[in-house]
Amino acid sequence: MNLILFVLIGLIAGALAGRVVSGHGYGVFGDIAVGVIGAFLGGWIFSTFLGVGAGGGVLMSLVVAFIGAIALLWLIRLVAPRHA
């Protein structure tokens, strides 16, 4: 059950971050990947810089994953910007 919840939070966070940063999502699997990696990145950011540990429920997990996904997309754009 935890794995399903983790993937669902990753999907929601990735979809929201994709729409906030670029105006569109990246498909189901892309949104899940961005959200899950963003969850790890957000957890690291929150624990390292803010001293906030794990816990807080589903809503806090979603917020942390969302912030991490935005940071991940920002880093990707910083490293590999699109040339239109």
N, C-alpha and C. Protein backbone atom coordinates (compact mmCIF):
# COMPACT_ATOMS: atom_id res chain seq x y z
N MET A 1 0.82 -1.19 0.00
CA MET A 1 0.00 0.00 0.00
C MET A 1 0.87 1.26 0.00
N ASN A 2 1.98 1.23 0.71
CA ASN A 2 2.86 2.40 0.76
C ASN A 2 3.45 2.71 -0.61
N LEU A 3 3.78 1.67 -1.37
CA LEU A 3 4.35 1.89 -2.70
C LEU A 3 3.33 2.56 -3.61
N ILE A 4 2.09 2.13 -3.55
CA ILE A 4 1.04 2.72 -4.37
C ILE A 4 0.84 4.18 -3.98
N LEU A 5 0.83 4.48 -2.70
CA LEU A 5 0.69 5.86 -2.23
C LEU A 5 1.88 6.71 -2.66
N PHE A 6 3.08 6.14 -2.59
CA PHE A 6 4.29 6.85 -2.99
C PHE A 6 4.24 7.20 -4.47
N VAL A 7 3.82 6.24 -5.31
CA VAL A 7 3.71 6.49 -6.74
C VAL A 7 2.61 7.51 -7.03
N LEU A 8 1.50 7.42 -6.31
CA LEU A 8 0.40 8.37 -6.51
C LEU A 8 0.83 9.79 -6.13
N ILE A 9 1.54 9.93 -5.01
CA ILE A 9 2.05 11.25 -4.62
C ILE A 9 3.05 11.75 -5.66
N GLY A 10 3.91 10.86 -6.15
CA GLY A 10 4.86 11.24 -7.20
C GLY A 10 4.16 11.70 -8.47
N LEU A 11 3.09 11.02 -8.84
CA LEU A 11 2.34 11.39 -10.03
C LEU A 11 1.71 12.77 -9.87
N ILE A 12 1.08 13.00 -8.74
CA ILE A 12 0.43 14.29 -8.50
C ILE A 12 1.46 15.41 -8.44
N ALA A 13 2.54 15.19 -7.68
CA ALA A 13 3.57 16.22 -7.55
C ALA A 13 4.24 16.51 -8.89
N GLY A 14 4.55 15.47 -9.65
CA GLY A 14 5.18 15.66 -10.95
C GLY A 14 4.28 16.37 -11.94
N ALA A 15 3.00 16.01 -11.94
CA ALA A 15 2.05 16.67 -12.85
C ALA A 15 1.89 18.14 -12.49
N LEU A 16 1.76 18.44 -11.21
CA LEU A 16 1.62 19.83 -10.79
C LEU A 16 2.89 20.63 -11.09
N ALA A 17 4.03 20.07 -10.79
CA ALA A 17 5.30 20.77 -11.04
C ALA A 17 5.52 20.99 -12.53
N GLY A 18 5.19 20.00 -13.34
CA GLY A 18 5.34 20.15 -14.79
C GLY A 18 4.47 21.27 -15.34
N ARG A 19 3.28 21.39 -14.79
CA ARG A 19 2.38 22.45 -15.24
C ARG A 19 2.81 23.82 -14.73
N VAL A 20 3.37 23.87 -13.53
CA VAL A 20 3.82 25.15 -12.97
C VAL A 20 5.07 25.64 -13.69
N VAL A 21 6.02 24.75 -13.93
CA VAL A 21 7.30 25.15 -14.51
C VAL A 21 7.21 25.35 -16.01
N SER A 22 6.55 24.43 -16.72
CA SER A 22 6.57 24.53 -18.18
C SER A 22 5.20 24.71 -18.81
N GLY A 23 4.14 24.63 -18.04
CA GLY A 23 2.80 24.82 -18.58
C GLY A 23 2.15 23.55 -19.09
N HIS A 24 2.86 22.43 -19.05
CA HIS A 24 2.29 21.15 -19.48
C HIS A 24 2.96 20.03 -18.70
N GLY A 25 2.35 18.87 -18.69
CA GLY A 25 2.93 17.71 -18.02
C GLY A 25 3.87 16.99 -18.95
N TYR A 26 4.39 15.88 -18.49
CA TYR A 26 5.34 15.09 -19.27
C TYR A 26 4.83 13.69 -19.53
N GLY A 27 3.54 13.49 -19.50
CA GLY A 27 2.96 12.16 -19.65
C GLY A 27 2.94 11.46 -18.30
N VAL A 28 2.22 10.37 -18.21
CA VAL A 28 2.05 9.69 -16.93
C VAL A 28 3.38 9.23 -16.36
N PHE A 29 4.18 8.53 -17.15
CA PHE A 29 5.44 8.01 -16.64
C PHE A 29 6.46 9.11 -16.36
N GLY A 30 6.48 10.13 -17.20
CA GLY A 30 7.37 11.26 -16.97
C GLY A 30 7.00 12.02 -15.71
N ASP A 31 5.69 12.22 -15.50
CA ASP A 31 5.24 12.90 -14.29
C ASP A 31 5.58 12.08 -13.04
N ILE A 32 5.40 10.77 -13.12
CA ILE A 32 5.75 9.91 -11.97
C ILE A 32 7.24 9.99 -11.69
N ALA A 33 8.06 9.91 -12.74
CA ALA A 33 9.51 9.97 -12.55
C ALA A 33 9.94 11.30 -11.94
N VAL A 34 9.41 12.40 -12.47
CA VAL A 34 9.75 13.72 -11.94
C VAL A 34 9.29 13.83 -10.49
N GLY A 35 8.09 13.35 -10.20
CA GLY A 35 7.56 13.42 -8.84
C GLY A 35 8.31 12.57 -7.84
N VAL A 36 8.66 11.34 -8.23
CA VAL A 36 9.37 10.45 -7.31
C VAL A 36 10.79 10.95 -7.06
N ILE A 37 11.49 11.32 -8.11
CA ILE A 37 12.84 11.87 -7.93
C ILE A 37 12.75 13.19 -7.17
N GLY A 38 11.72 13.98 -7.48
CA GLY A 38 11.50 15.22 -6.75
C GLY A 38 11.20 14.99 -5.28
N ALA A 39 10.53 13.89 -4.96
CA ALA A 39 10.25 13.57 -3.56
C ALA A 39 11.55 13.31 -2.80
N PHE A 40 12.45 12.57 -3.42
CA PHE A 40 13.75 12.33 -2.78
C PHE A 40 14.53 13.64 -2.64
N LEU A 41 14.53 14.44 -3.71
CA LEU A 41 15.24 15.72 -3.68
C LEU A 41 14.62 16.66 -2.66
N GLY A 42 13.29 16.72 -2.63
CA GLY A 42 12.61 17.57 -1.66
C GLY A 42 12.86 17.12 -0.23
N GLY A 43 12.86 15.81 0.00
CA GLY A 43 13.17 15.29 1.33
C GLY A 43 14.57 15.66 1.77
N TRP A 44 15.51 15.59 0.83
CA TRP A 44 16.89 15.97 1.15
C TRP A 44 16.98 17.46 1.45
N ILE A 45 16.32 18.28 0.62
CA ILE A 45 16.34 19.73 0.83
C ILE A 45 15.75 20.09 2.19
N PHE A 46 14.59 19.51 2.50
CA PHE A 46 13.94 19.84 3.76
C PHE A 46 14.74 19.37 4.97
N SER A 47 15.34 18.18 4.89
CA SER A 47 16.10 17.69 6.04
C SER A 47 17.44 18.39 6.20
N THR A 48 18.09 18.72 5.09
CA THR A 48 19.41 19.33 5.15
C THR A 48 19.35 20.81 5.51
N PHE A 49 18.52 21.55 4.84
CA PHE A 49 18.51 23.00 4.99
C PHE A 49 17.50 23.51 6.01
N LEU A 50 16.42 22.78 6.23
CA LEU A 50 15.39 23.25 7.14
C LEU A 50 15.30 22.43 8.42
N GLY A 51 15.98 21.30 8.46
CA GLY A 51 15.97 20.46 9.64
C GLY A 51 14.65 19.75 9.88
N VAL A 52 13.83 19.64 8.86
CA VAL A 52 12.53 18.98 8.98
C VAL A 52 12.70 17.51 8.60
N GLY A 53 12.30 16.63 9.50
CA GLY A 53 12.44 15.20 9.26
C GLY A 53 11.22 14.62 8.55
N ALA A 54 11.24 13.33 8.36
CA ALA A 54 10.14 12.62 7.72
C ALA A 54 8.92 12.64 8.63
N GLY A 55 7.79 12.52 8.03
CA GLY A 55 6.54 12.52 8.78
C GLY A 55 5.67 13.67 8.34
N GLY A 56 4.54 13.80 8.96
CA GLY A 56 3.65 14.90 8.61
C GLY A 56 2.48 14.46 7.76
N GLY A 57 2.43 13.22 7.36
CA GLY A 57 1.28 12.73 6.61
C GLY A 57 1.39 12.92 5.12
N VAL A 58 0.28 12.62 4.47
CA VAL A 58 0.22 12.62 3.02
C VAL A 58 0.35 14.04 2.46
N LEU A 59 -0.31 14.99 3.08
CA LEU A 59 -0.26 16.37 2.56
C LEU A 59 1.15 16.94 2.62
N MET A 60 1.84 16.72 3.72
CA MET A 60 3.23 17.20 3.83
C MET A 60 4.12 16.48 2.82
N SER A 61 3.89 15.19 2.61
CA SER A 61 4.67 14.45 1.62
C SER A 61 4.44 15.01 0.22
N LEU A 62 3.20 15.37 -0.06
CA LEU A 62 2.89 15.95 -1.37
C LEU A 62 3.55 17.31 -1.54
N VAL A 63 3.55 18.12 -0.51
CA VAL A 63 4.19 19.44 -0.58
C VAL A 63 5.69 19.29 -0.78
N VAL A 64 6.31 18.40 -0.03
CA VAL A 64 7.76 18.17 -0.15
C VAL A 64 8.09 17.64 -1.54
N ALA A 65 7.31 16.69 -2.05
CA ALA A 65 7.56 16.14 -3.39
C ALA A 65 7.35 17.21 -4.46
N PHE A 66 6.35 18.05 -4.29
CA PHE A 66 6.07 19.13 -5.24
C PHE A 66 7.23 20.13 -5.29
N ILE A 67 7.71 20.54 -4.14
CA ILE A 67 8.84 21.47 -4.09
C ILE A 67 10.10 20.83 -4.67
N GLY A 68 10.32 19.57 -4.35
CA GLY A 68 11.47 18.86 -4.91
C GLY A 68 11.37 18.70 -6.41
N ALA A 69 10.16 18.43 -6.92
CA ALA A 69 9.98 18.29 -8.36
C ALA A 69 10.20 19.62 -9.08
N ILE A 70 9.76 20.71 -8.47
CA ILE A 70 10.03 22.03 -9.06
C ILE A 70 11.53 22.29 -9.08
N ALA A 71 12.21 21.97 -7.99
CA ALA A 71 13.67 22.15 -7.94
C ALA A 71 14.36 21.29 -8.99
N LEU A 72 13.89 20.05 -9.16
CA LEU A 72 14.47 19.16 -10.17
C LEU A 72 14.28 19.72 -11.57
N LEU A 73 13.08 20.17 -11.89
CA LEU A 73 12.84 20.74 -13.22
C LEU A 73 13.65 22.02 -13.43
N TRP A 74 13.81 22.82 -12.39
CA TRP A 74 14.62 24.02 -12.50
C TRP A 74 16.08 23.64 -12.77
N LEU A 75 16.59 22.63 -12.07
CA LEU A 75 17.97 22.19 -12.30
C LEU A 75 18.15 21.63 -13.70
N ILE A 76 17.17 20.88 -14.18
CA ILE A 76 17.26 20.33 -15.54
C ILE A 76 17.30 21.46 -16.56
N ARG A 77 16.49 22.47 -16.37
CA ARG A 77 16.50 23.61 -17.29
C ARG A 77 17.78 24.42 -17.20
N LEU A 78 18.37 24.45 -16.02
CA LEU A 78 19.63 25.17 -15.82
C LEU A 78 20.77 24.47 -16.55
N VAL A 79 20.78 23.15 -16.49
CA VAL A 79 21.85 22.35 -17.10
C VAL A 79 21.65 22.20 -18.60
N ALA A 80 20.42 21.93 -19.02
CA ALA A 80 20.13 21.68 -20.42
C ALA A 80 18.98 22.56 -20.87
N PRO A 81 19.23 23.85 -21.11
CA PRO A 81 18.13 24.72 -21.55
C PRO A 81 17.70 24.38 -22.97
N ARG A 82 16.43 24.63 -23.24
CA ARG A 82 15.90 24.39 -24.59
C ARG A 82 16.25 25.58 -25.48
N HIS A 83 16.59 25.27 -26.69
CA HIS A 83 16.83 26.32 -27.68
C HIS A 83 15.75 26.23 -28.73
N ALA A 84 14.88 27.23 -28.76
CA ALA A 84 13.75 27.20 -29.71
C ALA A 84 14.08 28.01 -30.94
